[in-house]
Amino acid sequence: VSGSGCTMGRFALVLLLSRIAASRSRSVDVAHLHRHGFTVVTNVFSEDEIAALRRTIVNALGSGEVRHLSVHPRGNATKAYLRARGAEASIPDFVKVPQLDMVTALIQDPRIHAVLRQVFDGSDYRFASHSGIQVNKCVGWHKDWLNHEYARFQTLPLFQDATGDGGHFIVKVAIYLQDHAHSDDALTVIPGSHVVPTISVGGSEVVSLHPTIGSLVVFEQRITHRGTTKRQQKRTHGMRLLVSLGFGKRNNYTDEFERGTVARNADQVASATRALLARTRKPGQA
């Protein structure tokens, strides 16, 4: 075969090889995930890929044009401010931010889906409309269920299968854009608490995870967990970045969670946009 036919043949071969490579992702300790509520998969991405994701987010933050950005305490959204002041910020529903297309592409990344296919063990699953970027966030103990006014969307019991379609099984995929091999500033969890319907920490085993660059942290979203603390944050140098995505078994439980997530995203984005307009409004403007 010669000419264009040869070129197309080579392209098809490269495509096939890339799919085979993606399917040969590192083995996922699914038993550990089911028993303890979390697992870590190492060496999914290269250091260069993580650095590129980090640059993309930092540049978007520095542009001052990300309307989804929520900054705490109130201040400007420049990267200098976030570094110097240690301010916390978040970008909910980042899939709708054009400057972050490279990050959004993670939702379709074959290496992530090679991991998820093992996690869901043949069950059909889907993206649950959760996408978030956290900057220097300090978050206390919680479970990633729908809270406050959004709890009304989750009508099915979260800790039993009331519909016969597999029950609530939604995982978060967390990608830390800095190395945590020697720090406790990533995710801290209560192992096994994903099957406990209350948030209780006293007397429980507490485990801090130490994901290295390029790792995926996969956790059952009902697990009791937290991020770094205010005290830890004061000892941290530079900007801490976390990208998180949610995927769930394709069933009624995930449908309900997604509806609540979409409503919460809309409210968070609207609030962040109003805050941005207030920060950038010139004196005397209505």
Protein backbone atom coordinates (compact mmCIF):
# COMPACT_ATOMS: atom_id res chain seq x y z
CA VAL A 1 0.00 0.00 0.00
CA SER A 2 1.34 3.44 -0.83
CA GLY A 3 0.34 7.09 -0.80
CA SER A 4 -2.63 8.21 1.26
CA GLY A 5 -3.65 4.64 1.97
CA CYS A 6 -0.32 4.02 3.69
CA THR A 7 -0.72 7.23 5.71
CA MET A 8 -4.22 6.26 6.81
CA GLY A 9 -2.95 2.81 7.73
CA ARG A 10 -0.22 4.26 9.91
CA PHE A 11 -2.75 6.61 11.53
CA ALA A 12 -5.08 3.71 12.32
CA LEU A 13 -2.16 1.75 13.79
CA VAL A 14 -1.11 4.68 15.99
CA LEU A 15 -4.72 5.13 17.14
CA LEU A 16 -5.01 1.43 17.97
CA LEU A 17 -1.72 1.44 19.89
CA SER A 18 -2.77 4.52 21.86
CA ARG A 19 -6.02 2.82 22.84
CA ILE A 20 -4.14 -0.30 23.90
CA ALA A 21 -1.75 1.83 25.96
CA ALA A 22 -4.67 3.61 27.62
CA SER A 23 -6.32 0.31 28.48
CA ARG A 24 -3.12 -0.83 30.21
CA SER A 25 -3.35 1.71 32.97
CA ARG A 26 -1.94 0.90 36.33
CA SER A 27 -3.97 -1.57 38.29
CA VAL A 28 -6.54 -0.01 40.61
CA ASP A 29 -6.99 -1.45 44.09
CA VAL A 30 -10.77 -1.57 43.80
CA ALA A 31 -11.09 -3.79 46.86
CA HIS A 32 -9.39 -1.08 48.91
CA LEU A 33 -11.79 1.52 47.47
CA HIS A 34 -14.85 -0.52 48.43
CA ARG A 35 -13.55 -1.42 51.88
CA HIS A 36 -11.92 1.86 52.93
CA GLY A 37 -13.59 4.38 50.59
CA PHE A 38 -10.50 5.57 48.73
CA THR A 39 -7.56 4.50 46.62
CA VAL A 40 -4.57 6.17 44.96
CA VAL A 41 -3.40 5.36 41.44
CA THR A 42 0.14 6.56 40.77
CA ASN A 43 1.90 7.67 37.57
CA VAL A 44 -1.25 8.32 35.54
CA PHE A 45 0.07 11.63 34.19
CA SER A 46 3.57 12.87 33.52
CA GLU A 47 5.19 15.74 35.38
CA ASP A 48 5.10 17.79 32.16
CA GLU A 49 1.34 17.26 31.81
CA ILE A 50 0.71 18.29 35.41
CA ALA A 51 2.91 21.38 34.91
CA ALA A 52 0.91 22.31 31.78
CA LEU A 53 -2.39 21.98 33.66
CA ARG A 54 -1.00 24.11 36.45
CA ARG A 55 0.16 26.84 34.03
CA THR A 56 -3.24 26.88 32.37
CA ILE A 57 -5.04 27.45 35.66
CA VAL A 58 -2.54 30.01 36.99
CA ASN A 59 -2.74 31.98 33.73
CA ALA A 60 -6.54 31.93 33.88
CA LEU A 61 -6.43 33.17 37.47
CA GLY A 62 -4.05 35.94 36.49
CA SER A 63 -6.23 37.09 33.61
CA GLY A 64 -8.91 38.41 35.96
CA GLU A 65 -11.52 37.27 33.45
CA VAL A 66 -12.75 34.03 35.04
CA ARG A 67 -16.28 34.95 36.05
CA HIS A 68 -16.77 31.63 37.86
CA LEU A 69 -14.00 32.49 40.33
CA SER A 70 -14.94 32.82 43.98
CA VAL A 71 -12.28 34.40 46.22
CA HIS A 72 -12.19 34.24 50.03
CA PRO A 73 -11.61 36.61 51.73
CA ARG A 74 -12.75 39.25 49.28
CA GLY A 75 -9.94 40.55 47.17
CA ASN A 76 -8.68 40.59 43.62
CA ALA A 77 -8.06 37.35 41.79
CA THR A 78 -4.49 37.90 40.64
CA LYS A 79 -2.02 35.09 41.13
CA ALA A 80 0.20 37.48 43.16
CA TYR A 81 -2.70 38.08 45.57
CA LEU A 82 -3.46 34.39 45.90
CA ARG A 83 0.20 33.59 46.57
CA ALA A 84 1.05 36.47 48.89
CA ARG A 85 -2.17 36.56 50.88
CA GLY A 86 -2.83 32.83 50.89
CA ALA A 87 -6.39 33.59 49.85
CA GLU A 88 -8.74 30.73 49.14
CA ALA A 89 -10.47 30.53 45.80
CA SER A 90 -12.58 28.08 43.84
CA ILE A 91 -13.80 27.70 40.29
CA PRO A 92 -17.02 25.66 40.30
CA ASP A 93 -18.30 24.17 37.04
CA PHE A 94 -15.02 24.98 35.30
CA VAL A 95 -16.12 23.06 32.20
CA LYS A 96 -17.91 26.24 31.15
CA VAL A 97 -14.78 28.41 31.36
CA PRO A 98 -13.19 28.72 27.88
CA GLN A 99 -9.73 29.51 29.29
CA LEU A 100 -9.73 26.09 30.96
CA ASP A 101 -10.42 23.88 27.94
CA MET A 102 -7.22 21.92 28.60
CA VAL A 103 -8.47 21.06 32.09
CA THR A 104 -11.96 20.24 30.81
CA ALA A 105 -10.40 17.72 28.41
CA LEU A 106 -9.60 15.56 31.45
CA ILE A 107 -13.24 14.45 31.50
CA GLN A 108 -12.59 12.48 28.31
CA ASP A 109 -9.01 11.42 29.07
CA PRO A 110 -8.66 7.70 28.25
CA ARG A 111 -6.29 7.11 31.17
CA ILE A 112 -8.88 8.36 33.64
CA HIS A 113 -11.54 6.20 32.01
CA ALA A 114 -9.23 3.18 32.10
CA VAL A 115 -9.16 3.69 35.88
CA LEU A 116 -12.92 4.27 36.07
CA ARG A 117 -13.70 1.12 34.11
CA GLN A 118 -11.94 -0.83 36.84
CA VAL A 119 -13.67 1.16 39.57
CA PHE A 120 -17.16 0.54 38.16
CA ASP A 121 -16.27 -3.05 37.20
CA GLY A 122 -18.33 -3.28 34.04
CA SER A 123 -21.26 -1.19 35.27
CA ASP A 124 -22.27 1.73 33.09
CA TYR A 125 -21.17 5.07 34.53
CA ARG A 126 -21.14 8.71 33.49
CA PHE A 127 -19.87 12.18 34.33
CA ALA A 128 -22.08 13.56 37.12
CA SER A 129 -21.67 17.26 36.21
CA HIS A 130 -19.28 17.90 39.09
CA SER A 131 -16.15 19.82 38.10
CA GLY A 132 -14.23 22.04 40.46
CA ILE A 133 -10.86 23.70 40.88
CA GLN A 134 -9.72 24.64 44.37
CA VAL A 135 -6.98 27.13 45.15
CA ASN A 136 -5.47 27.12 48.66
CA LYS A 137 -8.76 25.77 50.02
CA CYS A 138 -9.08 24.87 53.69
CA VAL A 139 -12.09 22.61 54.18
CA GLY A 140 -13.24 20.94 57.39
CA TRP A 141 -14.66 17.45 57.85
CA HIS A 142 -17.56 16.71 55.53
CA LYS A 143 -19.09 14.26 53.07
CA ASP A 144 -19.72 15.19 49.43
CA TRP A 145 -23.47 14.84 49.57
CA LEU A 146 -26.00 17.54 48.77
CA ASN A 147 -26.41 19.98 51.65
CA HIS A 148 -28.67 22.84 52.68
CA GLU A 149 -31.24 23.87 50.07
CA TYR A 150 -29.82 21.33 47.59
CA ALA A 151 -30.50 18.32 49.83
CA ARG A 152 -34.07 18.26 48.51
CA PHE A 153 -32.83 16.88 45.20
CA GLN A 154 -31.52 13.71 46.85
CA THR A 155 -34.75 11.90 47.74
CA LEU A 156 -33.42 8.33 47.63
CA PRO A 157 -31.74 6.91 50.77
CA LEU A 158 -27.98 7.34 50.34
CA PHE A 159 -26.99 4.26 52.32
CA GLN A 160 -29.28 1.63 50.83
CA ASP A 161 -30.33 0.50 47.38
CA ALA A 162 -33.99 1.50 47.27
CA THR A 163 -34.41 1.13 43.53
CA GLY A 164 -32.54 -2.07 42.69
CA ASP A 165 -30.17 -0.29 40.32
CA GLY A 166 -27.01 -0.45 42.38
CA GLY A 167 -27.57 2.27 44.95
CA HIS A 168 -25.50 5.39 45.45
CA PHE A 169 -22.04 4.94 43.96
CA ILE A 170 -20.41 8.22 42.94
CA VAL A 171 -16.65 8.73 43.08
CA LYS A 172 -14.55 11.86 42.98
CA VAL A 173 -11.38 11.84 40.93
CA ALA A 174 -8.90 14.29 42.47
CA ILE A 175 -5.76 15.48 40.70
CA TYR A 176 -3.33 17.49 42.82
CA LEU A 177 -1.15 19.80 40.74
CA GLN A 178 1.77 19.75 43.17
CA ASP A 179 3.64 17.00 44.96
CA HIS A 180 2.30 15.86 48.34
CA ALA A 181 4.69 12.98 48.94
CA HIS A 182 6.01 14.63 52.09
CA SER A 183 3.12 16.82 53.20
CA ASP A 184 -0.30 16.34 54.78
CA ASP A 185 -1.84 19.15 52.72
CA ALA A 186 -3.80 16.93 50.33
CA LEU A 187 -6.73 14.72 51.36
CA THR A 188 -7.31 13.40 54.89
CA VAL A 189 -9.96 10.71 55.37
CA ILE A 190 -11.68 8.48 57.91
CA PRO A 191 -11.26 5.01 56.36
CA GLY A 192 -14.52 3.08 56.06
CA SER A 193 -16.72 6.08 56.82
CA HIS A 194 -18.35 5.92 53.37
CA VAL A 195 -20.78 3.36 54.80
CA VAL A 196 -21.55 5.42 57.91
CA PRO A 197 -24.45 7.91 57.56
CA THR A 198 -23.06 10.36 60.13
CA ILE A 199 -19.98 12.59 60.27
CA SER A 200 -18.08 11.49 63.35
CA VAL A 201 -14.34 11.95 63.84
CA GLY A 202 -13.67 11.40 67.54
CA GLY A 203 -11.94 8.09 68.21
CA SER A 204 -11.70 7.26 64.50
CA GLU A 205 -8.59 6.36 62.54
CA VAL A 206 -7.43 9.38 60.53
CA VAL A 207 -5.31 8.91 57.40
CA SER A 208 -3.63 11.66 55.40
CA LEU A 209 -2.91 10.72 51.79
CA HIS A 210 0.35 11.64 50.07
CA PRO A 211 -0.27 11.65 46.31
CA THR A 212 2.80 12.17 44.18
CA ILE A 213 2.85 14.22 40.98
CA GLY A 214 0.72 12.55 38.31
CA SER A 215 -1.40 10.48 40.70
CA LEU A 216 -5.16 10.12 40.78
CA VAL A 217 -6.92 10.01 44.12
CA VAL A 218 -10.26 8.21 43.74
CA PHE A 219 -12.64 8.31 46.68
CA GLU A 220 -16.24 7.38 47.38
CA GLN A 221 -17.91 10.74 47.86
CA ARG A 222 -19.74 9.63 51.01
CA ILE A 223 -16.44 9.17 52.87
CA THR A 224 -15.81 11.62 55.72
CA HIS A 225 -12.86 13.73 54.60
CA ARG A 226 -11.24 17.14 54.76
CA GLY A 227 -8.59 19.19 53.03
CA THR A 228 -5.75 21.07 54.67
CA THR A 229 -6.26 23.11 57.82
CA LYS A 230 -5.74 26.83 58.36
CA ARG A 231 -2.67 26.04 60.47
CA GLN A 232 -1.20 23.85 57.74
CA GLN A 233 -1.97 26.47 55.11
CA LYS A 234 0.17 29.04 56.98
CA ARG A 235 3.17 26.72 56.56
CA THR A 236 2.53 26.14 52.85
CA HIS A 237 4.57 27.95 50.22
CA GLY A 238 3.19 28.67 46.78
CA MET A 239 -0.26 28.07 45.38
CA ARG A 240 -2.02 24.77 46.07
CA LEU A 241 -4.20 23.60 43.19
CA LEU A 242 -6.66 20.73 43.06
CA VAL A 243 -8.83 19.59 40.14
CA SER A 244 -11.78 17.35 41.00
CA LEU A 245 -14.29 15.53 38.80
CA GLY A 246 -17.30 13.43 39.75
CA PHE A 247 -18.44 10.22 38.04
CA GLY A 248 -21.31 7.98 39.08
CA LYS A 249 -23.03 4.74 38.23
CA ARG A 250 -25.66 5.42 35.60
CA ASN A 251 -28.77 5.19 37.75
CA ASN A 252 -31.41 7.20 39.61
CA TYR A 253 -29.05 8.07 42.47
CA THR A 254 -26.58 9.77 40.14
CA ASP A 255 -29.44 11.50 38.31
CA GLU A 256 -30.64 13.05 41.56
CA PHE A 257 -27.16 14.09 42.62
CA GLU A 258 -26.54 15.66 39.23
CA ARG A 259 -29.73 17.73 39.38
CA GLY A 260 -28.71 19.11 42.77
CA THR A 261 -25.15 19.72 41.56
CA VAL A 262 -26.34 21.63 38.50
CA ALA A 263 -28.56 23.84 40.69
CA ARG A 264 -25.71 24.48 43.14
CA ASN A 265 -23.27 25.21 40.31
CA ALA A 266 -25.64 27.79 38.86
CA ASP A 267 -26.01 29.54 42.21
CA GLN A 268 -22.26 29.48 42.91
CA VAL A 269 -21.41 30.87 39.49
CA ALA A 270 -24.04 33.59 39.79
CA SER A 271 -22.65 34.58 43.19
CA ALA A 272 -19.06 34.59 41.93
CA THR A 273 -20.06 36.70 38.93
CA ARG A 274 -21.78 39.27 41.12
CA ALA A 275 -18.69 39.42 43.35
CA LEU A 276 -16.42 39.91 40.33
CA LEU A 277 -18.56 42.74 39.03
CA ALA A 278 -18.50 44.35 42.48
CA ARG A 279 -14.70 44.10 42.63
CA THR A 280 -14.22 45.59 39.17
CA ARG A 281 -16.93 48.25 39.28
CA LYS A 282 -15.51 51.76 39.23
CA PRO A 283 -16.50 54.18 42.02
CA GLY A 284 -19.81 55.85 41.25
CA GLN A 285 -20.97 53.12 38.87
CA ALA A 286 -24.38 51.63 39.54
